[in-house]
Amino acid sequence: MTRTRIFGGVRPTEHLTLADYLGALRRWADEDQHRAEALFCVVDLHALTVDHDPARVRRLSRQAVTLLLAVGLDPRQCTVFVQSHVAEHTRLAYLMECTAGDDEMRRMVQYREKAERERARGGSVRLSLLTSPALMAADVLAYGTDEVAVGEGQAQHLELTRDLAVRFNQRYGQTFVVPRATCPAEVTRVMDLQDPASAMGTSPARRAGVVHLLDEAEAVREKVMGAVTDAGPDVVYDRAARPGVANLLDVLAACDGGDPEKLAAEYDSYGALKKDTAEAVVELLRPVRERHAELVADPGYVDSVLRDGAGRARGMARPRVDAAYRGVGLLPVG
């Protein structure tokens, strides 16, 4: 029986955060790599769609790979690789650009938001930012992906990916699996500790409200203890009326496996809640930081994981991408 194939990716544009871990990485390690044929990729080419520092992209790409391994992804169970190491992504991206329409690309909310930020900073908007959904589609379709776990920000892109797969299949013959979105029932959405109306890590200008996976224990404690709370002295779980307290309770529940509403009844002060949440986060991230340090000390192992992962990924993607090239009418290599 053919196993379900899933694909997940992380961008090396910022340091990975507690939100990344509780929202996706922990599930990838604890569940997805064991239940399916899973590919997990550092999508470094997407980091080039905006103004960037090459050395920083390289450094964060390496760090992201190492953290994927540190959180528990096992190369014997899944495929871990870097996007730019597998040429099939860019080969297929061009065919997706030839399948998509200009109007579809310009409707992408993330494009409009990022383009607005780039213009506000006085920068130019790169063409690759507009066409990046075609690359995202290629990332998924190249592997015959069955499932893609999506959050709020990715739903529109996955819908475009599905549309492009169907359109390509209708024009050129059955080539791609049409992936389906999966929304895990238990996902903790971690909000910024200084602005609980915004998801953690979505504002590059905000640092005090973001807990990074590699933050030292004291930095974690300082950020959690400095989290904004709400008016009123009592600890109540109410996401709409008391978002600051609700965020802390969500994080504490995710760390310890509790229920946020029941946890609220155990506290009579914000200080005690913050202290317990801070310690829970410190303990949750401690093994990740320790394993990361071990992997940094063994760069040869990480290199071998990337080399083997890219080889496996190429083997999975190349036949389908070659078929797509034949389907659109391109001559095969002699």
Protein backbone atom coordinates (compact mmCIF):
# COMPACT_ATOMS: atom_id res chain seq x y z
CA MET A 1 0.00 0.00 0.00
CA THR A 2 1.36 3.42 -1.00
CA ARG A 3 2.08 5.69 1.95
CA THR A 4 0.68 9.20 2.12
CA ARG A 5 3.30 11.74 1.09
CA ILE A 6 3.55 15.06 2.91
CA PHE A 7 5.71 18.15 2.40
CA GLY A 8 6.65 20.87 4.87
CA GLY A 9 8.98 23.82 4.55
CA VAL A 10 10.55 26.57 6.64
CA ARG A 11 11.96 29.85 5.37
CA PRO A 12 15.43 30.96 6.50
CA THR A 13 14.44 34.61 6.77
CA GLU A 14 14.27 34.83 10.58
CA HIS A 15 15.31 32.68 13.52
CA LEU A 16 12.80 29.90 14.21
CA THR A 17 10.47 30.65 17.09
CA LEU A 18 8.38 29.02 19.79
CA ALA A 19 5.40 29.56 17.47
CA ASP A 20 7.13 27.54 14.74
CA TYR A 21 7.82 24.73 17.18
CA LEU A 22 4.36 24.50 18.75
CA GLY A 23 2.57 25.20 15.49
CA ALA A 24 4.38 22.75 13.20
CA LEU A 25 7.84 21.42 14.06
CA ARG A 26 6.81 19.37 17.08
CA ARG A 27 4.03 17.72 15.09
CA TRP A 28 6.43 16.98 12.23
CA ALA A 29 8.78 15.20 14.63
CA ASP A 30 6.25 13.44 16.86
CA GLU A 31 3.66 12.42 14.26
CA ASP A 32 4.13 13.23 10.60
CA GLN A 33 7.52 11.63 9.97
CA HIS A 34 6.19 8.35 11.40
CA ARG A 35 2.77 8.18 9.75
CA ALA A 36 3.71 9.22 6.20
CA GLU A 37 6.46 9.51 3.62
CA ALA A 38 7.55 12.95 4.69
CA LEU A 39 9.80 15.57 3.13
CA PHE A 40 10.91 18.60 5.16
CA CYS A 41 12.71 21.37 3.35
CA VAL A 42 14.47 24.64 4.13
CA VAL A 43 13.05 26.77 1.33
CA ASP A 44 16.03 29.06 0.89
CA LEU A 45 15.10 30.27 -2.60
CA HIS A 46 12.05 31.99 -1.15
CA ALA A 47 14.35 34.11 1.00
CA LEU A 48 15.67 35.78 -2.16
CA THR A 49 12.34 37.37 -3.12
CA VAL A 50 13.05 40.42 -0.94
CA ASP A 51 16.15 42.42 -0.10
CA HIS A 52 18.47 40.16 1.90
CA ASP A 53 21.97 39.70 3.23
CA PRO A 54 23.53 36.65 1.49
CA ALA A 55 25.64 35.72 4.52
CA ARG A 56 22.58 35.88 6.77
CA VAL A 57 20.52 33.68 4.45
CA ARG A 58 23.33 31.13 4.37
CA ARG A 59 23.71 31.22 8.15
CA LEU A 60 19.98 30.95 8.85
CA SER A 61 19.60 28.14 6.31
CA ARG A 62 22.23 26.11 8.12
CA GLN A 63 20.69 26.95 11.47
CA ALA A 64 17.20 25.96 10.27
CA VAL A 65 18.43 22.57 9.04
CA THR A 66 20.21 21.96 12.32
CA LEU A 67 17.12 22.91 14.31
CA LEU A 68 14.93 20.59 12.24
CA LEU A 69 17.21 17.78 13.33
CA ALA A 70 17.39 19.09 16.88
CA VAL A 71 13.60 19.03 17.34
CA GLY A 72 13.60 15.35 16.45
CA LEU A 73 13.37 14.89 12.68
CA ASP A 74 15.14 11.62 11.94
CA PRO A 75 16.78 11.24 8.49
CA ARG A 76 16.06 7.52 8.75
CA GLN A 77 12.35 8.30 8.96
CA CYS A 78 12.02 11.33 6.67
CA THR A 79 13.84 13.37 4.04
CA VAL A 80 15.48 16.59 5.21
CA PHE A 81 17.00 18.82 2.55
CA VAL A 82 17.56 22.34 1.24
CA GLN A 83 15.42 23.58 -1.63
CA SER A 84 18.25 25.02 -3.73
CA HIS A 85 20.06 21.66 -3.66
CA VAL A 86 17.30 20.11 -5.81
CA ALA A 87 17.13 21.70 -9.26
CA GLU A 88 13.70 20.21 -9.94
CA HIS A 89 12.13 22.98 -7.85
CA THR A 90 13.23 25.72 -10.23
CA ARG A 91 12.72 23.55 -13.32
CA LEU A 92 9.10 23.01 -12.39
CA ALA A 93 8.58 26.57 -11.15
CA TYR A 94 8.93 27.89 -14.70
CA LEU A 95 6.28 25.51 -15.97
CA MET A 96 4.01 26.68 -13.16
CA GLU A 97 4.62 30.29 -14.22
CA CYS A 98 3.57 29.25 -17.73
CA THR A 99 0.42 27.67 -16.30
CA ALA A 100 -0.61 30.50 -13.96
CA GLY A 101 -2.15 33.83 -14.89
CA ASP A 102 -0.84 37.28 -14.01
CA ASP A 103 -4.14 38.10 -12.32
CA GLU A 104 -3.84 35.04 -10.07
CA MET A 105 -0.41 36.08 -8.89
CA ARG A 106 -1.44 39.65 -8.17
CA ARG A 107 -4.40 38.47 -6.08
CA MET A 108 -2.10 36.81 -3.55
CA VAL A 109 -2.52 38.62 -0.24
CA GLN A 110 1.06 37.93 0.88
CA TYR A 111 2.39 39.49 -2.32
CA ARG A 112 0.41 42.68 -1.78
CA GLU A 113 1.44 42.92 1.88
CA LYS A 114 5.13 42.25 1.28
CA ALA A 115 5.24 44.54 -1.76
CA GLU A 116 3.71 47.32 0.33
CA ARG A 117 6.33 46.84 3.05
CA GLU A 118 9.17 46.88 0.50
CA ARG A 119 7.87 50.10 -1.06
CA ALA A 120 7.43 51.68 2.37
CA ARG A 121 11.11 51.00 3.07
CA GLY A 122 12.07 52.62 -0.21
CA GLY A 123 13.07 49.34 -1.80
CA SER A 124 12.10 47.88 -5.14
CA VAL A 125 9.65 45.01 -5.47
CA ARG A 126 11.34 42.05 -7.09
CA LEU A 127 9.61 40.12 -9.86
CA SER A 128 10.38 36.93 -7.94
CA LEU A 129 8.08 38.12 -5.14
CA LEU A 130 5.20 38.22 -7.61
CA THR A 131 5.99 34.82 -9.11
CA SER A 132 6.95 33.08 -5.87
CA PRO A 133 3.57 31.27 -5.62
CA ALA A 134 4.61 29.38 -8.76
CA LEU A 135 7.73 28.21 -6.94
CA MET A 136 5.62 27.29 -3.91
CA ALA A 137 3.41 25.21 -6.17
CA ALA A 138 6.47 23.51 -7.63
CA ASP A 139 7.78 22.75 -4.14
CA VAL A 140 4.65 20.72 -3.45
CA LEU A 141 3.77 19.27 -6.86
CA ALA A 142 7.25 17.99 -7.71
CA TYR A 143 6.92 15.25 -5.11
CA GLY A 144 3.40 14.02 -5.73
CA THR A 145 2.46 15.45 -2.35
CA ASP A 146 -0.84 14.22 -0.95
CA GLU A 147 -1.08 16.45 2.13
CA VAL A 148 0.12 19.90 3.07
CA ALA A 149 -0.54 21.24 6.55
CA VAL A 150 -1.55 24.86 6.16
CA GLY A 151 -2.07 27.78 8.47
CA GLU A 152 -4.02 30.93 7.80
CA GLY A 153 -1.23 32.50 5.76
CA GLN A 154 -0.75 29.56 3.39
CA ALA A 155 -4.34 28.60 2.55
CA GLN A 156 -4.54 30.89 -0.49
CA HIS A 157 -1.25 29.61 -1.88
CA LEU A 158 -2.28 25.98 -1.52
CA GLU A 159 -5.56 26.70 -3.28
CA LEU A 160 -3.56 28.19 -6.16
CA THR A 161 -1.33 25.10 -6.17
CA ARG A 162 -4.40 22.89 -6.47
CA ASP A 163 -5.76 25.02 -9.31
CA LEU A 164 -2.47 24.86 -11.20
CA ALA A 165 -2.25 21.09 -10.80
CA VAL A 166 -5.76 20.59 -12.14
CA ARG A 167 -5.18 23.03 -15.03
CA PHE A 168 -1.88 21.42 -16.00
CA ASN A 169 -3.41 17.93 -15.92
CA GLN A 170 -6.32 19.06 -18.11
CA ARG A 171 -4.05 20.71 -20.68
CA TYR A 172 -1.19 18.25 -20.86
CA GLY A 173 -2.33 14.96 -19.39
CA GLN A 174 -2.40 13.50 -15.90
CA THR A 175 0.91 14.50 -14.32
CA PHE A 176 0.40 15.87 -10.81
CA VAL A 177 -1.31 14.76 -7.65
CA VAL A 178 -3.76 17.43 -6.50
CA PRO A 179 -2.73 17.98 -2.87
CA ARG A 180 -5.22 18.44 -0.09
CA ALA A 181 -4.96 20.80 2.83
CA THR A 182 -4.84 19.35 6.30
CA CYS A 183 -5.68 21.35 9.39
CA PRO A 184 -4.52 19.47 12.49
CA ALA A 185 -7.12 19.49 15.23
CA GLU A 186 -4.65 20.39 17.96
CA VAL A 187 -2.54 23.37 16.90
CA THR A 188 -1.36 26.04 19.30
CA ARG A 189 -1.34 29.48 17.71
CA VAL A 190 1.24 31.42 19.69
CA MET A 191 0.81 35.17 19.67
CA ASP A 192 3.38 37.91 20.20
CA LEU A 193 4.01 38.40 23.90
CA GLN A 194 3.97 42.17 23.46
CA ASP A 195 1.08 42.27 20.99
CA PRO A 196 -1.29 39.31 21.49
CA ALA A 197 -3.34 40.46 18.50
CA SER A 198 -0.45 39.45 16.19
CA ALA A 199 1.01 36.02 15.61
CA MET A 200 4.49 35.58 17.07
CA GLY A 201 7.19 36.33 14.54
CA THR A 202 5.02 38.11 11.97
CA SER A 203 6.44 41.55 12.75
CA PRO A 204 10.20 41.76 12.03
CA ALA A 205 10.42 44.99 14.03
CA ARG A 206 9.21 43.36 17.25
CA ARG A 207 11.77 41.41 19.30
CA ALA A 208 10.75 41.50 22.95
CA GLY A 209 7.57 39.56 22.22
CA VAL A 210 9.22 36.74 20.27
CA VAL A 211 10.77 33.66 21.89
CA HIS A 212 13.34 32.03 19.61
CA LEU A 213 14.22 28.36 19.86
CA LEU A 214 17.84 29.19 20.60
CA ASP A 215 17.18 31.88 23.20
CA GLU A 216 19.10 31.33 26.42
CA ALA A 217 16.99 30.40 29.44
CA GLU A 218 17.30 33.84 31.01
CA ALA A 219 16.22 35.53 27.79
CA VAL A 220 13.15 33.28 27.65
CA ARG A 221 12.26 34.12 31.25
CA GLU A 222 12.70 37.85 30.64
CA LYS A 223 10.45 37.82 27.58
CA VAL A 224 7.69 35.76 29.20
CA MET A 225 7.79 37.70 32.46
CA GLY A 226 7.53 40.92 30.42
CA ALA A 227 4.50 39.72 28.45
CA VAL A 228 1.58 42.11 28.33
CA THR A 229 -1.55 41.00 30.17
CA ASP A 230 -5.00 42.57 30.38
CA ALA A 231 -7.15 44.82 32.49
CA GLY A 232 -8.61 43.13 35.53
CA PRO A 233 -6.84 41.25 38.32
CA ASP A 234 -8.28 37.78 37.80
CA VAL A 235 -6.85 35.05 35.54
CA VAL A 236 -9.54 34.16 33.00
CA TYR A 237 -9.26 32.25 29.73
CA ASP A 238 -11.02 34.44 27.16
CA ARG A 239 -9.24 34.87 23.83
CA ALA A 240 -11.46 37.75 22.72
CA ALA A 241 -11.63 39.82 25.91
CA ARG A 242 -8.36 38.76 27.59
CA PRO A 243 -5.94 37.91 24.73
CA GLY A 244 -2.72 38.46 26.72
CA VAL A 245 -3.65 36.06 29.50
CA ALA A 246 -5.18 33.60 27.04
CA ASN A 247 -1.92 33.53 25.09
CA LEU A 248 0.07 32.66 28.21
CA LEU A 249 -2.41 29.95 29.15
CA ASP A 250 -2.29 28.51 25.62
CA VAL A 251 1.50 28.35 25.75
CA LEU A 252 1.55 26.79 29.21
CA ALA A 253 -1.06 24.21 28.17
CA ALA A 254 0.89 23.35 25.01
CA CYS A 255 4.10 22.87 26.99
CA ASP A 256 2.59 20.71 29.72
CA GLY A 257 -0.27 19.04 27.88
CA GLY A 258 -2.95 20.73 29.97
CA ASP A 259 -6.21 22.49 29.22
CA PRO A 260 -5.99 26.31 29.21
CA GLU A 261 -9.42 26.85 30.74
CA LYS A 262 -8.70 24.46 33.59
CA LEU A 263 -5.27 25.98 34.12
CA ALA A 264 -6.80 29.44 34.51
CA ALA A 265 -8.62 28.27 37.62
CA GLU A 266 -5.32 27.35 39.26
CA TYR A 267 -3.95 30.91 39.27
CA ASP A 268 -4.92 33.96 41.24
CA SER A 269 -2.21 36.29 39.90
CA TYR A 270 -0.55 37.15 36.61
CA GLY A 271 2.88 36.90 38.19
CA ALA A 272 2.47 33.24 39.14
CA LEU A 273 1.10 32.41 35.68
CA LYS A 274 4.01 34.14 33.97
CA LYS A 275 6.58 32.42 36.17
CA ASP A 276 5.18 28.94 35.52
CA THR A 277 4.82 29.64 31.80
CA ALA A 278 8.40 30.88 31.60
CA GLU A 279 9.76 27.77 33.31
CA ALA A 280 7.63 25.50 31.15
CA VAL A 281 8.99 27.11 27.97
CA VAL A 282 12.57 26.93 29.26
CA GLU A 283 12.19 23.20 29.94
CA LEU A 284 10.43 22.58 26.62
CA LEU A 285 13.26 24.19 24.66
CA ARG A 286 16.15 22.90 26.76
CA PRO A 287 16.60 19.57 24.88
CA VAL A 288 16.28 21.37 21.54
CA ARG A 289 19.06 23.79 22.44
CA GLU A 290 21.26 21.00 23.81
CA ARG A 291 20.79 18.83 20.73
CA HIS A 292 21.43 21.84 18.49
CA ALA A 293 24.75 22.43 20.25
CA GLU A 294 25.72 18.78 19.68
CA LEU A 295 24.89 19.02 15.98
CA VAL A 296 26.80 22.29 15.55
CA ALA A 297 29.84 20.49 16.95
CA ASP A 298 29.45 17.77 14.30
CA PRO A 299 29.08 19.66 10.98
CA GLY A 300 30.06 16.60 8.99
CA TYR A 301 26.91 14.81 10.13
CA VAL A 302 24.67 17.71 9.09
CA ASP A 303 26.44 17.84 5.71
CA SER A 304 25.79 14.13 5.19
CA VAL A 305 22.11 14.54 6.07
CA LEU A 306 21.76 17.32 3.50
CA ARG A 307 23.66 15.39 0.84
CA ASP A 308 21.60 12.24 1.34
CA GLY A 309 18.36 14.18 1.65
CA ALA A 310 18.93 16.08 -1.58
CA GLY A 311 19.73 12.83 -3.37
CA ARG A 312 16.50 11.19 -2.20
CA ALA A 313 14.48 14.30 -3.02
CA ARG A 314 15.91 14.45 -6.54
CA GLY A 315 15.07 10.80 -7.06
CA MET A 316 11.46 11.44 -6.09
CA ALA A 317 11.01 14.68 -8.04
CA ARG A 318 12.91 14.12 -11.28
CA PRO A 319 10.61 11.55 -12.97
CA ARG A 320 7.54 13.72 -12.41
CA VAL A 321 9.25 16.94 -13.52
CA ASP A 322 10.67 15.18 -16.60
CA ALA A 323 7.14 13.98 -17.42
CA ALA A 324 5.86 17.55 -17.07
CA TYR A 325 8.55 18.78 -19.48
CA ARG A 326 7.55 16.14 -22.03
CA GLY A 327 3.89 16.99 -21.49
CA VAL A 328 4.30 20.67 -22.42
CA GLY A 329 6.19 19.75 -25.57
CA LEU A 330 9.86 20.16 -24.64
CA LEU A 331 12.39 17.84 -26.25
CA PRO A 332 13.90 15.30 -23.88
CA VAL A 333 17.64 15.26 -23.35
CA GLY A 334 19.21 12.78 -25.79
